Amino acid sequence: DAMGNPAPSGAYRLVANAVVNGKNTPIPVQTMVTIRGSNVGSDGTVSLQLENGKTVLLKDVTKVGI
């Protein structure tokens, strides 16, 4: 929290902004999460099921590691 104390367990959304050329600009945020499964849609789109229950498209993944 703002006082440096651990936040309670739960789902959080992380956003970041930077001042670019004097303007407040949103910037991409990258996080790491375990992949629990994958699916291929009828249109060939690959999606990944994450440990937190969310689903993301493979095309949006920038790095995979162990």
Protein backbone atom coordinates (compact mmCIF):
# COMPACT_ATOMS: atom_id res chain seq x y z
CA ASP A 1 0.00 0.00 0.00
CA ALA A 2 0.99 3.67 0.07
CA MET A 3 2.57 3.14 3.51
CA GLY A 4 4.76 0.23 2.35
CA ASN A 5 2.63 -2.47 3.99
CA PRO A 6 1.77 -5.71 2.15
CA ALA A 7 -1.56 -5.52 0.35
CA PRO A 8 -4.22 -8.14 1.04
CA SER A 9 -4.48 -11.16 -1.26
CA GLY A 10 -6.65 -10.62 -4.31
CA ALA A 11 -6.70 -9.67 -7.96
CA TYR A 12 -5.01 -6.41 -8.86
CA ARG A 13 -4.63 -4.45 -12.07
CA LEU A 14 -1.26 -2.84 -12.73
CA VAL A 15 -1.06 0.24 -14.94
CA ALA A 16 1.82 2.60 -15.62
CA ASN A 17 2.13 6.08 -17.08
CA ALA A 18 5.15 8.12 -18.08
CA VAL A 19 5.66 11.73 -19.06
CA VAL A 20 6.68 11.70 -22.73
CA ASN A 21 7.34 15.06 -24.41
CA GLY A 22 5.49 16.74 -21.54
CA LYS A 23 2.38 14.54 -21.88
CA ASN A 24 1.13 11.83 -19.51
CA THR A 25 1.29 8.67 -21.65
CA PRO A 26 0.22 5.11 -20.77
CA ILE A 27 3.02 2.56 -21.21
CA PRO A 28 2.80 -1.24 -21.53
CA VAL A 29 3.24 -3.30 -18.39
CA GLN A 30 4.62 -6.83 -18.51
CA THR A 31 4.07 -9.46 -15.84
CA MET A 32 4.93 -13.11 -15.39
CA VAL A 33 2.35 -15.86 -14.83
CA THR A 34 2.17 -19.64 -15.18
CA ILE A 35 0.38 -21.04 -18.25
CA ARG A 36 -2.01 -23.88 -17.37
CA GLY A 37 -3.30 -24.76 -20.85
CA SER A 38 -3.88 -23.66 -24.42
CA ASN A 39 -6.66 -23.71 -27.02
CA VAL A 40 -6.83 -23.26 -30.76
CA GLY A 41 -10.00 -21.52 -31.93
CA SER A 42 -11.89 -22.40 -35.12
CA ASP A 43 -10.20 -19.39 -36.76
CA GLY A 44 -6.73 -20.70 -35.80
CA THR A 45 -6.25 -18.20 -32.98
CA VAL A 46 -4.22 -19.65 -30.10
CA SER A 47 -5.18 -18.65 -26.55
CA LEU A 48 -3.47 -19.49 -23.27
CA GLN A 49 -5.21 -20.24 -19.96
CA LEU A 50 -3.28 -18.70 -17.09
CA GLU A 51 -3.04 -19.84 -13.46
CA ASN A 52 -5.03 -16.79 -12.35
CA GLY A 53 -8.06 -17.87 -14.41
CA LYS A 54 -7.49 -15.31 -17.17
CA THR A 55 -7.05 -16.10 -20.87
CA VAL A 56 -4.67 -14.26 -23.21
CA LEU A 57 -4.00 -14.54 -26.91
CA LEU A 58 -0.64 -16.05 -27.80
CA LYS A 59 0.00 -13.10 -30.14
CA ASP A 60 0.05 -10.83 -27.06
CA VAL A 61 2.78 -12.84 -25.29
CA THR A 62 6.22 -11.22 -25.60
CA LYS A 63 8.40 -13.73 -23.72
CA VAL A 64 8.16 -17.34 -22.51
CA GLY A 65 10.66 -18.70 -20.02
CA ILE A 66 11.22 -21.09 -17.14
